[in-house]
Amino acid sequence: MQRIAREIGYSETVFAAPMGKAWRVRYFSPAMEVPFCRHATIALGAILARSRGEGIFSLQLNDTAITVEGHAGTTLGAALQSPPTRSEPCPEDLLTTALHLSRSSRAISTIIYHRQSSRPVRGTSYWLSPAVIILPR
């Protein structure tokens, strides 16, 4: 799967195989396996609807189960249930590294504007990534 994802070259590629009444799903970037990808899940829902008929499809990811609802009328479409979200304090060494890298790259994936907290946090829609809270003046 990793080799195929690298050859395809998209930011994420989804692989799905029937598993009982559900689908076993894995996501890969060209460099590594990733735990979840919204866009690929939407595409998968549309393709499942086209090939299996409209409905809600159960997806088993590496660490959790979600669903995607596929529609195949005159246009294809899908709606997904995201994995649970969470946040936690960001370790100082990770924050320092992310801030250092951000000077030359896009290491910080999310900037959160927050009025009640000045502590840096890591947040996720499944995969923890650094977020910097910027307080308005």
C-alpha atoms as a PDB file:
ATOM      1  CA  MET A   1       0.000   0.000   0.000  1.00  0.00           C
ATOM      2  CA  GLN A   2       2.834   2.368   0.861  1.00  0.00           C
ATOM      3  CA  ARG A   3       4.522   1.738  -2.492  1.00  0.00           C
ATOM      4  CA  ILE A   4       1.268   2.360  -4.381  1.00  0.00           C
ATOM      5  CA  ALA A   5       0.577   5.566  -2.437  1.00  0.00           C
ATOM      6  CA  ARG A   6       4.101   6.794  -3.215  1.00  0.00           C
ATOM      7  CA  GLU A   7       3.620   6.024  -6.927  1.00  0.00           C
ATOM      8  CA  ILE A   8       0.218   7.745  -7.040  1.00  0.00           C
ATOM      9  CA  GLY A   9       1.710  10.774  -5.287  1.00  0.00           C
ATOM     10  CA  TYR A  10      -1.471  12.277  -3.822  1.00  0.00           C
ATOM     11  CA  SER A  11      -1.315  13.785  -0.337  1.00  0.00           C
ATOM     12  CA  GLU A  12      -3.306  10.770   0.945  1.00  0.00           C
ATOM     13  CA  THR A  13      -4.559   7.574  -0.678  1.00  0.00           C
ATOM     14  CA  VAL A  14      -7.249   5.383   0.884  1.00  0.00           C
ATOM     15  CA  PHE A  15      -7.297   1.591   0.679  1.00  0.00           C
ATOM     16  CA  ALA A  16     -10.478  -0.318   1.567  1.00  0.00           C
ATOM     17  CA  ALA A  17     -11.270  -4.037   1.703  1.00  0.00           C
ATOM     18  CA  PRO A  18     -14.504  -5.777   2.688  1.00  0.00           C
ATOM     19  CA  MET A  19     -14.448  -7.048   6.277  1.00  0.00           C
ATOM     20  CA  GLY A  20     -17.705  -8.778   7.134  1.00  0.00           C
ATOM     21  CA  LYS A  21     -20.405  -6.075   7.004  1.00  0.00           C
ATOM     22  CA  ALA A  22     -17.810  -3.300   7.302  1.00  0.00           C
ATOM     23  CA  TRP A  23     -14.797  -2.086   5.356  1.00  0.00           C
ATOM     24  CA  ARG A  24     -11.210  -2.249   6.619  1.00  0.00           C
ATOM     25  CA  VAL A  25      -9.691   1.113   5.747  1.00  0.00           C
ATOM     26  CA  ARG A  26      -6.106   2.385   5.790  1.00  0.00           C
ATOM     27  CA  TYR A  27      -4.703   5.735   4.626  1.00  0.00           C
ATOM     28  CA  PHE A  28      -1.225   6.427   3.264  1.00  0.00           C
ATOM     29  CA  SER A  29       0.645   9.558   2.275  1.00  0.00           C
ATOM     30  CA  PRO A  30       3.593   9.126  -0.096  1.00  0.00           C
ATOM     31  CA  ALA A  31       5.871   8.989   2.967  1.00  0.00           C
ATOM     32  CA  MET A  32       3.954   7.019   5.609  1.00  0.00           C
ATOM     33  CA  GLU A  33       0.698   5.562   6.873  1.00  0.00           C
ATOM     34  CA  VAL A  34      -1.605   8.172   8.417  1.00  0.00           C
ATOM     35  CA  PRO A  35      -4.461   7.475  10.838  1.00  0.00           C
ATOM     36  CA  PHE A  36      -7.255   9.371   9.049  1.00  0.00           C
ATOM     37  CA  CYS A  37      -8.013  11.573   6.038  1.00  0.00           C
ATOM     38  CA  ARG A  38     -11.333  13.371   5.581  1.00  0.00           C
ATOM     39  CA  HIS A  39     -11.075  13.957   1.821  1.00  0.00           C
ATOM     40  CA  ALA A  40     -10.166  10.346   1.077  1.00  0.00           C
ATOM     41  CA  THR A  41     -13.043   9.163   3.290  1.00  0.00           C
ATOM     42  CA  ILE A  42     -15.520  11.345   1.381  1.00  0.00           C
ATOM     43  CA  ALA A  43     -14.186   9.957  -1.907  1.00  0.00           C
ATOM     44  CA  LEU A  44     -14.473   6.418  -0.557  1.00  0.00           C
ATOM     45  CA  GLY A  45     -18.094   7.036   0.487  1.00  0.00           C
ATOM     46  CA  ALA A  46     -18.972   8.273  -3.007  1.00  0.00           C
ATOM     47  CA  ILE A  47     -17.278   5.298  -4.668  1.00  0.00           C
ATOM     48  CA  LEU A  48     -18.967   2.815  -2.319  1.00  0.00           C
ATOM     49  CA  ALA A  49     -22.337   4.427  -3.082  1.00  0.00           C
ATOM     50  CA  ARG A  50     -21.684   4.179  -6.811  1.00  0.00           C
ATOM     51  CA  SER A  51     -20.583   0.541  -6.652  1.00  0.00           C
ATOM     52  CA  ARG A  52     -22.750  -0.801  -3.771  1.00  0.00           C
ATOM     53  CA  GLY A  53     -25.730   1.553  -3.717  1.00  0.00           C
ATOM     54  CA  GLU A  54     -26.510   4.459  -1.440  1.00  0.00           C
ATOM     55  CA  GLY A  55     -26.229   3.899   2.276  1.00  0.00           C
ATOM     56  CA  ILE A  56     -24.214   4.182   5.459  1.00  0.00           C
ATOM     57  CA  PHE A  57     -20.983   2.210   5.365  1.00  0.00           C
ATOM     58  CA  SER A  58     -19.104   1.123   8.487  1.00  0.00           C
ATOM     59  CA  LEU A  59     -15.364   1.723   8.280  1.00  0.00           C
ATOM     60  CA  GLN A  60     -12.814   0.109  10.574  1.00  0.00           C
ATOM     61  CA  LEU A  61      -9.681   2.259  10.846  1.00  0.00           C
ATOM     62  CA  ASN A  62      -6.510   1.204  12.655  1.00  0.00           C
ATOM     63  CA  ASP A  63      -7.631   2.596  16.026  1.00  0.00           C
ATOM     64  CA  THR A  64     -11.336   3.346  15.758  1.00  0.00           C
ATOM     65  CA  ALA A  65     -14.517   2.755  13.786  1.00  0.00           C
ATOM     66  CA  ILE A  66     -16.452   5.441  11.886  1.00  0.00           C
ATOM     67  CA  THR A  67     -19.153   5.608   9.226  1.00  0.00           C
ATOM     68  CA  VAL A  68     -19.482   7.302   5.872  1.00  0.00           C
ATOM     69  CA  GLU A  69     -22.815   7.882   4.144  1.00  0.00           C
ATOM     70  CA  GLY A  70     -22.637   7.678   0.366  1.00  0.00           C
ATOM     71  CA  HIS A  71     -25.032   9.174  -2.192  1.00  0.00           C
ATOM     72  CA  ALA A  72     -25.069   8.259  -5.886  1.00  0.00           C
ATOM     73  CA  GLY A  73     -27.874  10.247  -7.495  1.00  0.00           C
ATOM     74  CA  THR A  74     -27.220  12.573 -10.410  1.00  0.00           C
ATOM     75  CA  THR A  75     -24.104  13.660  -8.527  1.00  0.00           C
ATOM     76  CA  LEU A  76     -21.929  11.642  -6.185  1.00  0.00           C
ATOM     77  CA  GLY A  77     -21.611  12.758  -2.586  1.00  0.00           C
ATOM     78  CA  ALA A  78     -20.837  11.595   0.907  1.00  0.00           C
ATOM     79  CA  ALA A  79     -20.949  12.682   4.541  1.00  0.00           C
ATOM     80  CA  LEU A  80     -18.667  11.238   7.171  1.00  0.00           C
ATOM     81  CA  GLN A  81     -18.548  10.719  10.894  1.00  0.00           C
ATOM     82  CA  SER A  82     -15.112  11.871  12.077  1.00  0.00           C
ATOM     83  CA  PRO A  83     -13.161  10.008  14.724  1.00  0.00           C
ATOM     84  CA  PRO A  84     -13.346  11.531  18.222  1.00  0.00           C
ATOM     85  CA  THR A  85     -11.384  14.739  18.772  1.00  0.00           C
ATOM     86  CA  ARG A  86      -9.139  15.617  21.706  1.00  0.00           C
ATOM     87  CA  SER A  87      -6.532  18.091  22.849  1.00  0.00           C
ATOM     88  CA  GLU A  88      -3.788  18.108  25.444  1.00  0.00           C
ATOM     89  CA  PRO A  89      -0.994  20.421  26.619  1.00  0.00           C
ATOM     90  CA  CYS A  90       1.836  20.653  24.120  1.00  0.00           C
ATOM     91  CA  PRO A  91       5.215  19.489  25.471  1.00  0.00           C
ATOM     92  CA  GLU A  92       7.722  22.349  25.545  1.00  0.00           C
ATOM     93  CA  ASP A  93      10.269  20.516  23.355  1.00  0.00           C
ATOM     94  CA  LEU A  94       7.665  19.892  20.636  1.00  0.00           C
ATOM     95  CA  LEU A  95       6.531  23.521  20.733  1.00  0.00           C
ATOM     96  CA  THR A  96      10.130  24.771  20.498  1.00  0.00           C
ATOM     97  CA  THR A  97      10.842  22.464  17.554  1.00  0.00           C
ATOM     98  CA  ALA A  98       7.608  23.411  15.759  1.00  0.00           C
ATOM     99  CA  LEU A  99       8.233  27.132  16.196  1.00  0.00           C
ATOM    100  CA  HIS A 100      11.813  26.732  14.970  1.00  0.00           C
ATOM    101  CA  LEU A 101      10.721  24.743  11.905  1.00  0.00           C
ATOM    102  CA  SER A 102       7.868  27.115  11.149  1.00  0.00           C
ATOM    103  CA  ARG A 103      10.347  29.833  10.266  1.00  0.00           C
ATOM    104  CA  SER A 104      11.176  27.908   7.087  1.00  0.00           C
ATOM    105  CA  SER A 105       8.174  25.593   6.614  1.00  0.00           C
ATOM    106  CA  ARG A 106       4.554  24.906   7.500  1.00  0.00           C
ATOM    107  CA  ALA A 107       5.260  22.743  10.591  1.00  0.00           C
ATOM    108  CA  ILE A 108       2.402  24.242  12.581  1.00  0.00           C
ATOM    109  CA  SER A 109      -0.743  22.948  10.947  1.00  0.00           C
ATOM    110  CA  THR A 110      -3.348  24.903  12.887  1.00  0.00           C
ATOM    111  CA  ILE A 111      -3.469  28.316  14.506  1.00  0.00           C
ATOM    112  CA  ILE A 112      -6.227  28.625  17.078  1.00  0.00           C
ATOM    113  CA  TYR A 113      -7.452  32.046  18.192  1.00  0.00           C
ATOM    114  CA  HIS A 114      -8.475  31.617  21.804  1.00  0.00           C
ATOM    115  CA  ARG A 115      -9.533  34.269  24.302  1.00  0.00           C
ATOM    116  CA  GLN A 116      -9.448  32.256  27.538  1.00  0.00           C
ATOM    117  CA  SER A 117      -6.125  30.409  27.509  1.00  0.00           C
ATOM    118  CA  SER A 118      -2.543  31.347  26.820  1.00  0.00           C
ATOM    119  CA  ARG A 119      -1.153  27.797  27.002  1.00  0.00           C
ATOM    120  CA  PRO A 120      -0.068  26.168  23.753  1.00  0.00           C
ATOM    121  CA  VAL A 121      -2.049  23.026  23.003  1.00  0.00           C
ATOM    122  CA  ARG A 122      -1.983  20.083  20.674  1.00  0.00           C
ATOM    123  CA  GLY A 123      -5.322  19.415  19.093  1.00  0.00           C
ATOM    124  CA  THR A 124      -6.622  16.791  16.782  1.00  0.00           C
ATOM    125  CA  SER A 125      -9.417  15.634  14.648  1.00  0.00           C
ATOM    126  CA  TYR A 126      -7.699  12.302  15.209  1.00  0.00           C
ATOM    127  CA  TRP A 127      -3.967  12.848  14.653  1.00  0.00           C
ATOM    128  CA  LEU A 128      -2.290  15.148  17.212  1.00  0.00           C
ATOM    129  CA  SER A 129      -0.537  18.092  15.627  1.00  0.00           C
ATOM    130  CA  PRO A 130       0.838  21.282  17.142  1.00  0.00           C
ATOM    131  CA  ALA A 131      -1.450  24.270  17.396  1.00  0.00           C
ATOM    132  CA  VAL A 132      -0.451  27.695  18.620  1.00  0.00           C
ATOM    133  CA  ILE A 133      -2.936  29.851  20.470  1.00  0.00           C
ATOM    134  CA  ILE A 134      -2.630  33.517  19.555  1.00  0.00           C
ATOM    135  CA  LEU A 135      -4.342  35.907  21.905  1.00  0.00           C
ATOM    136  CA  PRO A 136      -5.943  39.016  20.387  1.00  0.00           C
ATOM    137  CA  ARG A 137      -4.642  42.259  21.850  1.00  0.00           C
END
